[in-house]
PDB file of N, CA and C in Angstrom:
ATOM      1  N   MET A   1       0.843  -1.180   0.001  1.00  0.00           N
ATOM      2  CA  MET A   1       0.004   0.006   0.004  1.00  0.00           C
ATOM      3  C   MET A   1       0.890   1.244   0.000  1.00  0.00           C
ATOM      4  N   LEU A   2       0.527   2.213  -0.786  1.00  0.00           N
ATOM      5  CA  LEU A   2       1.316   3.439  -0.910  1.00  0.00           C
ATOM      6  C   LEU A   2       0.716   4.529  -0.025  1.00  0.00           C
ATOM      7  N   ALA A   3       1.560   5.438   0.406  1.00  0.00           N
ATOM      8  CA  ALA A   3       1.122   6.591   1.195  1.00  0.00           C
ATOM      9  C   ALA A   3       1.704   7.838   0.574  1.00  0.00           C
ATOM     10  N   GLN A   4       0.961   8.913   0.644  1.00  0.00           N
ATOM     11  CA  GLN A   4       1.436  10.190   0.106  1.00  0.00           C
ATOM     12  C   GLN A   4       2.114  10.970   1.220  1.00  0.00           C
ATOM     13  N   ILE A   5       3.238  11.586   0.886  1.00  0.00           N
ATOM     14  CA  ILE A   5       3.989  12.416   1.818  1.00  0.00           C
ATOM     15  C   ILE A   5       4.024  13.824   1.235  1.00  0.00           C
ATOM     16  N   SER A   6       3.674  14.794   2.079  1.00  0.00           N
ATOM     17  CA  SER A   6       3.669  16.193   1.632  1.00  0.00           C
ATOM     18  C   SER A   6       4.339  17.050   2.693  1.00  0.00           C
ATOM     19  N   PHE A   7       5.299  17.853   2.261  1.00  0.00           N
ATOM     20  CA  PHE A   7       5.964  18.780   3.189  1.00  0.00           C
ATOM     21  C   PHE A   7       6.514  19.964   2.409  1.00  0.00           C
ATOM     22  N   THR A   8       6.889  20.986   3.129  1.00  0.00           N
ATOM     23  CA  THR A   8       7.468  22.168   2.484  1.00  0.00           C
ATOM     24  C   THR A   8       8.966  22.187   2.726  1.00  0.00           C
ATOM     25  N   ALA A   9       9.685  22.749   1.779  1.00  0.00           N
ATOM     26  CA  ALA A   9      11.140  22.870   1.895  1.00  0.00           C
ATOM     27  C   ALA A   9      11.540  24.185   1.216  1.00  0.00           C
ATOM     28  N   ASP A  10      12.721  24.643   1.552  1.00  0.00           N
ATOM     29  CA  ASP A  10      13.253  25.833   0.936  1.00  0.00           C
ATOM     30  C   ASP A  10      13.295  25.653  -0.576  1.00  0.00           C
ATOM     31  N   GLN A  11      12.832  26.649  -1.312  1.00  0.00           N
ATOM     32  CA  GLN A  11      12.725  26.562  -2.762  1.00  0.00           C
ATOM     33  C   GLN A  11      14.071  26.299  -3.433  1.00  0.00           C
ATOM     34  N   ASN A  12      15.114  26.986  -2.968  1.00  0.00           N
ATOM     35  CA  ASN A  12      16.450  26.784  -3.541  1.00  0.00           C
ATOM     36  C   ASN A  12      16.995  25.391  -3.231  1.00  0.00           C
ATOM     37  N   LEU A  13      16.710  24.893  -2.036  1.00  0.00           N
ATOM     38  CA  LEU A  13      17.141  23.551  -1.672  1.00  0.00           C
ATOM     39  C   LEU A  13      16.495  22.530  -2.592  1.00  0.00           C
ATOM     40  N   LYS A  14      15.196  22.669  -2.826  1.00  0.00           N
ATOM     41  CA  LYS A  14      14.492  21.759  -3.719  1.00  0.00           C
ATOM     42  C   LYS A  14      15.073  21.835  -5.134  1.00  0.00           C
ATOM     43  N   LYS A  15      15.270  23.044  -5.613  1.00  0.00           N
ATOM     44  CA  LYS A  15      15.776  23.233  -6.983  1.00  0.00           C
ATOM     45  C   LYS A  15      17.157  22.608  -7.159  1.00  0.00           C
ATOM     46  N   GLU A  16      18.048  22.889  -6.219  1.00  0.00           N
ATOM     47  CA  GLU A  16      19.408  22.362  -6.329  1.00  0.00           C
ATOM     48  C   GLU A  16      19.433  20.847  -6.194  1.00  0.00           C
ATOM     49  N   THR A  17      18.570  20.314  -5.329  1.00  0.00           N
ATOM     50  CA  THR A  17      18.501  18.873  -5.148  1.00  0.00           C
ATOM     51  C   THR A  17      17.974  18.192  -6.421  1.00  0.00           C
ATOM     52  N   MET A  18      16.927  18.795  -7.000  1.00  0.00           N
ATOM     53  CA  MET A  18      16.361  18.240  -8.242  1.00  0.00           C
ATOM     54  C   MET A  18      17.403  18.266  -9.363  1.00  0.00           C
ATOM     55  N   GLU A  19      18.149  19.356  -9.464  1.00  0.00           N
ATOM     56  CA  GLU A  19      19.184  19.464 -10.496  1.00  0.00           C
ATOM     57  C   GLU A  19      20.264  18.397 -10.328  1.00  0.00           C
ATOM     58  N   LYS A  20      20.713  18.231  -9.061  1.00  0.00           N
ATOM     59  CA  LYS A  20      21.760  17.244  -8.823  1.00  0.00           C
ATOM     60  C   LYS A  20      21.234  15.826  -9.040  1.00  0.00           C
ATOM     61  N   ALA A  21      20.013  15.571  -8.637  1.00  0.00           N
ATOM     62  CA  ALA A  21      19.424  14.242  -8.848  1.00  0.00           C
ATOM     63  C   ALA A  21      19.302  13.970 -10.356  1.00  0.00           C
ATOM     64  N   LYS A  22      18.925  14.975 -11.124  1.00  0.00           N
ATOM     65  CA  LYS A  22      18.793  14.823 -12.581  1.00  0.00           C
ATOM     66  C   LYS A  22      20.147  14.506 -13.181  1.00  0.00           C
ATOM     67  N   GLU A  23      21.208  15.151 -12.698  1.00  0.00           N
ATOM     68  CA  GLU A  23      22.564  14.873 -13.170  1.00  0.00           C
ATOM     69  C   GLU A  23      22.943  13.402 -12.935  1.00  0.00           C
ATOM     70  N   LYS A  24      22.428  12.851 -11.834  1.00  0.00           N
ATOM     71  CA  LYS A  24      22.712  11.466 -11.472  1.00  0.00           C
ATOM     72  C   LYS A  24      21.740  10.499 -12.153  1.00  0.00           C
ATOM     73  N   GLY A  25      20.748  11.039 -12.847  1.00  0.00           N
ATOM     74  CA  GLY A  25      19.828  10.208 -13.590  1.00  0.00           C
ATOM     75  C   GLY A  25      18.662   9.659 -12.781  1.00  0.00           C
ATOM     76  N   ILE A  26      18.333  10.318 -11.666  1.00  0.00           N
ATOM     77  CA  ILE A  26      17.193   9.875 -10.845  1.00  0.00           C
ATOM     78  C   ILE A  26      16.263  11.053 -10.592  1.00  0.00           C
ATOM     79  N   THR A  27      15.052  10.740 -10.184  1.00  0.00           N
ATOM     80  CA  THR A  27      14.071  11.771  -9.869  1.00  0.00           C
ATOM     81  C   THR A  27      14.208  12.148  -8.382  1.00  0.00           C
ATOM     82  N   LEU A  28      13.639  13.271  -8.048  1.00  0.00           N
ATOM     83  CA  LEU A  28      13.627  13.685  -6.641  1.00  0.00           C
ATOM     84  C   LEU A  28      12.879  12.653  -5.808  1.00  0.00           C
ATOM     85  N   LYS A  29      11.778  12.152  -6.346  1.00  0.00           N
ATOM     86  CA  LYS A  29      11.010  11.122  -5.641  1.00  0.00           C
ATOM     87  C   LYS A  29      11.877   9.903  -5.328  1.00  0.00           C
ATOM     88  N   SER A  30      12.629   9.428  -6.327  1.00  0.00           N
ATOM     89  CA  SER A  30      13.501   8.269  -6.124  1.00  0.00           C
ATOM     90  C   SER A  30      14.565   8.559  -5.079  1.00  0.00           C
ATOM     91  N   LEU A  31      15.148   9.754  -5.136  1.00  0.00           N
ATOM     92  CA  LEU A  31      16.162  10.145  -4.169  1.00  0.00           C
ATOM     93  C   LEU A  31      15.600  10.108  -2.749  1.00  0.00           C
ATOM     94  N   LEU A  32      14.401  10.641  -2.571  1.00  0.00           N
ATOM     95  CA  LEU A  32      13.807  10.668  -1.244  1.00  0.00           C
ATOM     96  C   LEU A  32      13.462   9.262  -0.764  1.00  0.00           C
ATOM     97  N   ILE A  33      12.967   8.410  -1.656  1.00  0.00           N
ATOM     98  CA  ILE A  33      12.647   7.041  -1.282  1.00  0.00           C
ATOM     99  C   ILE A  33      13.939   6.281  -0.925  1.00  0.00           C
ATOM    100  N   PHE A  34      14.978   6.433  -1.745  1.00  0.00           N
ATOM    101  CA  PHE A  34      16.275   5.802  -1.435  1.00  0.00           C
ATOM    102  C   PHE A  34      16.797   6.285  -0.076  1.00  0.00           C
ATOM    103  N   SER A  35      16.631   7.566   0.181  1.00  0.00           N
ATOM    104  CA  SER A  35      17.104   8.137   1.460  1.00  0.00           C
ATOM    105  C   SER A  35      16.347   7.552   2.645  1.00  0.00           C
ATOM    106  N   MET A  36      15.040   7.386   2.500  1.00  0.00           N
ATOM    107  CA  MET A  36      14.239   6.819   3.587  1.00  0.00           C
ATOM    108  C   MET A  36      14.638   5.359   3.825  1.00  0.00           C
ATOM    109  N   GLU A  37      14.839   4.606   2.725  1.00  0.00           N
ATOM    110  CA  GLU A  37      15.248   3.210   2.870  1.00  0.00           C
ATOM    111  C   GLU A  37      16.628   3.082   3.519  1.00  0.00           C
ATOM    112  N   ALA A  38      17.537   3.948   3.122  1.00  0.00           N
ATOM    113  CA  ALA A  38      18.887   3.938   3.696  1.00  0.00           C
ATOM    114  C   ALA A  38      18.838   4.282   5.178  1.00  0.00           C
ATOM    115  N   PHE A  39      17.963   5.195   5.549  1.00  0.00           N
ATOM    116  CA  PHE A  39      17.814   5.563   6.966  1.00  0.00           C
ATOM    117  C   PHE A  39      17.315   4.374   7.774  1.00  0.00           C
ATOM    118  N   ILE A  40      16.315   3.688   7.236  1.00  0.00           N
ATOM    119  CA  ILE A  40      15.764   2.506   7.921  1.00  0.00           C
ATOM    120  C   ILE A  40      16.838   1.414   8.053  1.00  0.00           C
ATOM    121  N   ASP A  41      17.637   1.222   7.002  1.00  0.00           N
ATOM    122  CA  ASP A  41      18.670   0.194   7.000  1.00  0.00           C
ATOM    123  C   ASP A  41      19.912   0.563   7.820  1.00  0.00           C
ATOM    124  N   GLY A  42      19.915   1.772   8.390  1.00  0.00           N
ATOM    125  CA  GLY A  42      21.048   2.196   9.212  1.00  0.00           C
ATOM    126  C   GLY A  42      22.225   2.693   8.386  1.00  0.00           C
ATOM    127  N   LYS A  43      22.009   2.983   7.112  1.00  0.00           N
ATOM    128  CA  LYS A  43      23.080   3.481   6.270  1.00  0.00           C
ATOM    129  C   LYS A  43      23.228   4.999   6.360  1.00  0.00           C
ATOM    130  N   ILE A  44      22.231   5.642   6.946  1.00  0.00           N
ATOM    131  CA  ILE A  44      22.281   7.090   7.202  1.00  0.00           C
ATOM    132  C   ILE A  44      22.049   7.278   8.689  1.00  0.00           C
ATOM    133  N   ASN A  45      22.991   7.932   9.354  1.00  0.00           N
ATOM    134  CA  ASN A  45      22.851   8.225  10.778  1.00  0.00           C
ATOM    135  C   ASN A  45      22.615   9.704  10.969  1.00  0.00           C
ATOM    136  N   ILE A  46      21.687  10.030  11.837  1.00  0.00           N
ATOM    137  CA  ILE A  46      21.381  11.410  12.140  1.00  0.00           C
ATOM    138  C   ILE A  46      21.495  11.584  13.644  1.00  0.00           C
ATOM    139  N   GLY A  47      22.152  12.634  14.065  1.00  0.00           N
ATOM    140  CA  GLY A  47      22.316  12.856  15.496  1.00  0.00           C
ATOM    141  C   GLY A  47      22.437  14.330  15.809  1.00  0.00           C
ATOM    142  N   VAL A  48      22.486  14.609  17.075  1.00  0.00           N
ATOM    143  CA  VAL A  48      22.620  15.972  17.553  1.00  0.00           C
ATOM    144  C   VAL A  48      23.994  16.078  18.212  1.00  0.00           C
ATOM    145  N   ILE A  49      24.722  17.105  17.814  1.00  0.00           N
ATOM    146  CA  ILE A  49      26.024  17.354  18.416  1.00  0.00           C
ATOM    147  C   ILE A  49      25.916  18.595  19.278  1.00  0.00           C
ATOM    148  N   SER A  50      26.195  18.450  20.529  1.00  0.00           N
ATOM    149  CA  SER A  50      26.098  19.602  21.416  1.00  0.00           C
ATOM    150  C   SER A  50      27.461  20.256  21.572  1.00  0.00           C
ATOM    151  N   LYS A  51      27.434  21.548  21.751  1.00  0.00           N
ATOM    152  CA  LYS A  51      28.654  22.299  21.982  1.00  0.00           C
ATOM    153  C   LYS A  51      28.964  22.216  23.488  1.00  0.00           C
ATOM    154  N   PRO A  52      30.223  22.094  23.819  1.00  0.00           N
ATOM    155  CA  PRO A  52      30.566  22.108  25.253  1.00  0.00           C
ATOM    156  C   PRO A  52      30.233  23.479  25.847  1.00  0.00           C
ATOM    157  N   GLU A  53      29.715  23.450  27.041  1.00  0.00           N
ATOM    158  CA  GLU A  53      29.369  24.716  27.680  1.00  0.00           C
ATOM    159  C   GLU A  53      30.639  25.466  28.086  1.00  0.00           C
ATOM    160  N   GLU A  54      30.572  26.762  27.951  1.00  0.00           N
ATOM    161  CA  GLU A  54      31.718  27.583  28.341  1.00  0.00           C
ATOM    162  C   GLU A  54      31.773  27.673  29.849  1.00  0.00           C
ATOM    163  N   GLU A  55      32.979  27.583  30.365  1.00  0.00           N
ATOM    164  CA  GLU A  55      33.143  27.669  31.817  1.00  0.00           C
ATOM    165  C   GLU A  55      33.074  29.130  32.235  1.00  0.00           C
ATOM    166  N   VAL A  56      32.339  29.375  33.284  1.00  0.00           N
ATOM    167  CA  VAL A  56      32.196  30.734  33.815  1.00  0.00           C
ATOM    168  C   VAL A  56      33.227  30.900  34.933  1.00  0.00           C
ATOM    169  N   SER A  57      34.074  31.904  34.786  1.00  0.00           N
ATOM    170  CA  SER A  57      35.106  32.103  35.809  1.00  0.00           C
ATOM    171  C   SER A  57      34.683  33.119  36.874  1.00  0.00           C
ATOM    172  N   GLU A  58      33.901  34.123  36.465  1.00  0.00           N
ATOM    173  CA  GLU A  58      33.472  35.140  37.416  1.00  0.00           C
ATOM    174  C   GLU A  58      32.086  35.670  37.066  1.00  0.00           C
ATOM    175  N   LEU A  59      31.324  35.959  38.102  1.00  0.00           N
ATOM    176  CA  LEU A  59      30.037  36.627  37.933  1.00  0.00           C
ATOM    177  C   LEU A  59      30.070  37.910  38.739  1.00  0.00           C
ATOM    178  N   HIS A  60      29.536  38.959  38.187  1.00  0.00           N
ATOM    179  CA  HIS A  60      29.469  40.239  38.890  1.00  0.00           C
ATOM    180  C   HIS A  60      28.018  40.711  38.923  1.00  0.00           C
ATOM    181  N   PHE A  61      27.521  40.914  40.123  1.00  0.00           N
ATOM    182  CA  PHE A  61      26.155  41.377  40.310  1.00  0.00           C
ATOM    183  C   PHE A  61      26.132  42.850  40.685  1.00  0.00           C
ATOM    184  N   LYS A  62      25.080  43.534  40.354  1.00  0.00           N
ATOM    185  CA  LYS A  62      24.971  44.959  40.680  1.00  0.00           C
ATOM    186  C   LYS A  62      24.859  45.186  42.187  1.00  0.00           C
ATOM    187  N   ASP A  63      24.158  44.302  42.844  1.00  0.00           N
ATOM    188  CA  ASP A  63      23.944  44.409  44.298  1.00  0.00           C
ATOM    189  C   ASP A  63      25.169  43.826  45.014  1.00  0.00           C
ATOM    190  N   SER A  64      25.878  44.628  45.802  1.00  0.00           N
ATOM    191  CA  SER A  64      27.129  44.183  46.446  1.00  0.00           C
ATOM    192  C   SER A  64      26.864  43.063  47.433  1.00  0.00           C
ATOM    193  N   SER A  65      25.680  43.029  48.080  1.00  0.00           N
ATOM    194  CA  SER A  65      25.402  41.971  49.041  1.00  0.00           C
ATOM    195  C   SER A  65      25.298  40.611  48.334  1.00  0.00           C
ATOM    196  N   ILE A  66      24.807  40.625  47.093  1.00  0.00           N
ATOM    197  CA  ILE A  66      24.742  39.382  46.331  1.00  0.00           C
ATOM    198  C   ILE A  66      26.145  38.938  45.952  1.00  0.00           C
ATOM    199  N   ASN A  67      27.014  39.914  45.598  1.00  0.00           N
ATOM    200  CA  ASN A  67      28.397  39.566  45.280  1.00  0.00           C
ATOM    201  C   ASN A  67      29.093  38.906  46.467  1.00  0.00           C
ATOM    202  N   GLU A  68      28.868  39.435  47.653  1.00  0.00           N
ATOM    203  CA  GLU A  68      29.499  38.877  48.866  1.00  0.00           C
ATOM    204  C   GLU A  68      28.999  37.440  49.094  1.00  0.00           C
ATOM    205  N   LYS A  69      27.692  37.227  48.936  1.00  0.00           N
ATOM    206  CA  LYS A  69      27.137  35.900  49.131  1.00  0.00           C
ATOM    207  C   LYS A  69      27.633  34.922  48.067  1.00  0.00           C
ATOM    208  N   ALA A  70      27.769  35.406  46.851  1.00  0.00           N
ATOM    209  CA  ALA A  70      28.253  34.565  45.768  1.00  0.00           C
ATOM    210  C   ALA A  70      29.699  34.171  46.006  1.00  0.00           C
ATOM    211  N   GLU A  71      30.492  35.074  46.524  1.00  0.00           N
ATOM    212  CA  GLU A  71      31.888  34.767  46.812  1.00  0.00           C
ATOM    213  C   GLU A  71      31.972  33.718  47.922  1.00  0.00           C
ATOM    214  N   LYS A  72      31.136  33.836  48.949  1.00  0.00           N
ATOM    215  CA  LYS A  72      31.120  32.849  50.035  1.00  0.00           C
ATOM    216  C   LYS A  72      30.704  31.476  49.485  1.00  0.00           C
ATOM    217  N   LEU A  73      29.709  31.461  48.651  1.00  0.00           N
ATOM    218  CA  LEU A  73      29.225  30.200  48.077  1.00  0.00           C
ATOM    219  C   LEU A  73      30.322  29.586  47.209  1.00  0.00           C
ATOM    220  N   ALA A  74      31.031  30.406  46.435  1.00  0.00           N
ATOM    221  CA  ALA A  74      32.086  29.900  45.588  1.00  0.00           C
ATOM    222  C   ALA A  74      33.198  29.263  46.420  1.00  0.00           C
ATOM    223  N   LYS A  75      33.519  29.848  47.538  1.00  0.00           N
ATOM    224  CA  LYS A  75      34.553  29.300  48.423  1.00  0.00           C
ATOM    225  C   LYS A  75      34.106  27.944  48.988  1.00  0.00           C
ATOM    226  N   LEU A  76      32.819  27.865  49.333  1.00  0.00           N
ATOM    227  CA  LEU A  76      32.287  26.611  49.881  1.00  0.00           C
ATOM    228  C   LEU A  76      32.292  25.486  48.818  1.00  0.00           C
ATOM    229  N   LEU A  77      32.074  25.849  47.566  1.00  0.00           N
ATOM    230  CA  LEU A  77      31.992  24.862  46.499  1.00  0.00           C
ATOM    231  C   LEU A  77      33.353  24.370  46.015  1.00  0.00           C
ATOM    232  N   LYS A  78      34.420  25.126  46.341  1.00  0.00           N
ATOM    233  CA  LYS A  78      35.775  24.737  45.882  1.00  0.00           C
ATOM    234  C   LYS A  78      36.271  23.588  46.646  1.00  0.00           C
TER     235      LYS A  78
END
């Protein structure tokens, strides 16, 4: 049984993909089907890469009493 898939994509992305697929002798539909099959077969991996968080060396608050408390807390945490 067949199912219809409909989605929107950037116009330039679609155009460039169609052109490159045509150069390879396949249709956009075939490319997308091959891509879905490859994904299912584990031939295409997709993941999220996170950036390491930057280390904070100093914080400065406008209220001096908060600065004093933050300094005390920092000493306790060291």
